[in-house]
Amino acid sequence: MGSSAYYSGCEYDDYEPHFLDCCSLCRRPLSQNNDIFMYRGDTPFCSQDCRQEQIEIDEASEKKMKQLSSSSKRSNTARQTTSESAKEYDAGKSLRNGTVAVA
């Protein structure tokens, strides 16, 4: 028998789980007879508690990102202020252009 075909006995070898198969937070299986609590369109949860916990995680993450964003804006403003004051200081100096001869 020179057949290179392989049969595993299962027609679902390429099975990919459906997004409604389990809770997005705790990974508990979602049954068809119980309520499924959705969040942000396509994220399923097994209970209101799991959904609320994810909401709080997302809010904390968004708050942290806003704080990082505002702190980077403040540091950029501080750098610009320092750069501008250095330019003003340099503007007060006299600068001579020309050839310098050293003996």
Protein backbone atom coordinates (compact mmCIF):
# COMPACT_ATOMS: atom_id res chain seq x y z
CA MET A 1 0.00 0.00 0.00
CA GLY A 2 1.72 3.10 -1.21
CA SER A 3 -1.00 5.51 -0.11
CA SER A 4 0.28 8.57 1.72
CA ALA A 5 -3.19 9.68 2.80
CA TYR A 6 -3.84 9.72 6.53
CA TYR A 7 -7.21 9.30 8.19
CA SER A 8 -7.44 10.29 11.83
CA GLY A 9 -11.00 9.11 12.29
CA CYS A 10 -12.31 12.62 12.98
CA GLU A 11 -13.87 14.93 10.45
CA TYR A 12 -13.27 17.95 12.71
CA ASP A 13 -9.45 18.11 12.59
CA ASP A 14 -9.61 21.72 11.43
CA TYR A 15 -12.18 22.68 14.05
CA GLU A 16 -11.74 26.20 15.37
CA PRO A 17 -13.80 27.11 18.43
CA HIS A 18 -16.66 29.52 17.94
CA PHE A 19 -16.37 32.78 19.87
CA LEU A 20 -19.51 31.88 21.84
CA ASP A 21 -18.08 28.57 23.09
CA CYS A 22 -16.64 29.93 26.34
CA CYS A 23 -16.51 32.97 28.61
CA SER A 24 -13.85 35.45 27.51
CA LEU A 25 -12.65 36.00 31.08
CA CYS A 26 -12.87 32.72 33.01
CA ARG A 27 -13.04 30.35 30.00
CA ARG A 28 -16.03 28.51 31.47
CA PRO A 29 -18.10 26.82 28.71
CA LEU A 30 -21.21 28.75 27.71
CA SER A 31 -24.30 26.58 27.54
CA GLN A 32 -27.11 27.11 25.09
CA ASN A 33 -29.73 27.17 27.84
CA ASN A 34 -28.22 30.03 29.89
CA ASP A 35 -27.90 33.73 29.26
CA ILE A 36 -24.76 35.02 27.57
CA PHE A 37 -23.65 38.49 28.62
CA MET A 38 -22.05 40.43 25.77
CA TYR A 39 -19.63 43.34 25.96
CA ARG A 40 -18.31 45.58 23.19
CA GLY A 41 -20.25 43.77 20.52
CA ASP A 42 -18.63 40.36 20.25
CA THR A 43 -17.13 39.47 23.63
CA PRO A 44 -19.18 36.84 25.51
CA PHE A 45 -19.26 36.30 29.28
CA CYS A 46 -20.92 33.65 31.42
CA SER A 47 -22.15 36.09 34.09
CA GLN A 48 -22.64 39.75 34.87
CA ASP A 49 -19.73 39.47 37.32
CA CYS A 50 -17.29 38.34 34.63
CA ARG A 51 -18.49 41.06 32.28
CA GLN A 52 -18.21 43.72 35.00
CA GLU A 53 -14.69 42.59 35.86
CA GLN A 54 -13.66 42.94 32.19
CA ILE A 55 -15.25 46.40 32.04
CA GLU A 56 -13.23 47.45 35.09
CA ILE A 57 -10.03 46.00 33.60
CA ASP A 58 -10.63 47.93 30.36
CA GLU A 59 -11.40 51.17 32.21
CA ALA A 60 -8.22 50.86 34.29
CA SER A 61 -6.20 50.18 31.15
CA GLU A 62 -7.70 53.19 29.36
CA LYS A 63 -7.07 55.40 32.39
CA LYS A 64 -3.42 54.29 32.51
CA MET A 65 -3.01 55.01 28.79
CA LYS A 66 -4.46 58.50 29.25
CA GLN A 67 -2.10 59.16 32.16
CA LEU A 68 0.89 57.99 30.12
CA SER A 69 -0.22 60.12 27.22
CA SER A 70 -0.67 63.24 29.36
CA SER A 71 2.66 62.71 31.14
CA SER A 72 4.48 62.40 27.81
CA LYS A 73 2.80 65.62 26.65
CA ARG A 74 3.99 67.35 29.83
CA SER A 75 7.56 66.14 29.35
CA ASN A 76 7.50 67.28 25.69
CA THR A 77 6.29 70.71 26.82
CA ALA A 78 9.07 70.88 29.41
CA ARG A 79 11.66 69.96 26.77
CA GLN A 80 10.30 72.63 24.42
CA THR A 81 10.43 75.24 27.20
CA THR A 82 14.03 74.29 28.03
CA SER A 83 14.95 74.36 24.36
CA GLU A 84 13.35 77.79 23.89
CA SER A 85 15.13 79.25 26.92
CA ALA A 86 18.44 77.85 25.62
CA LYS A 87 17.79 79.52 22.26
CA GLU A 88 17.05 82.83 24.01
CA TYR A 89 20.28 82.49 26.01
CA ASP A 90 22.28 81.73 22.85
CA ALA A 91 20.68 84.68 21.06
CA GLY A 92 22.23 87.02 23.65
CA LYS A 93 25.74 85.86 22.77
CA SER A 94 27.72 87.41 19.97
CA LEU A 95 29.07 85.10 17.35
CA ARG A 96 31.91 85.95 15.00
CA ASN A 97 32.38 84.14 11.75
CA GLY A 98 35.68 84.13 9.98
CA THR A 99 39.07 82.52 9.71
CA VAL A 100 41.11 81.83 12.78
CA ALA A 101 44.90 81.66 12.46
CA VAL A 102 46.79 79.78 15.11
CA ALA A 103 50.56 80.12 15.35
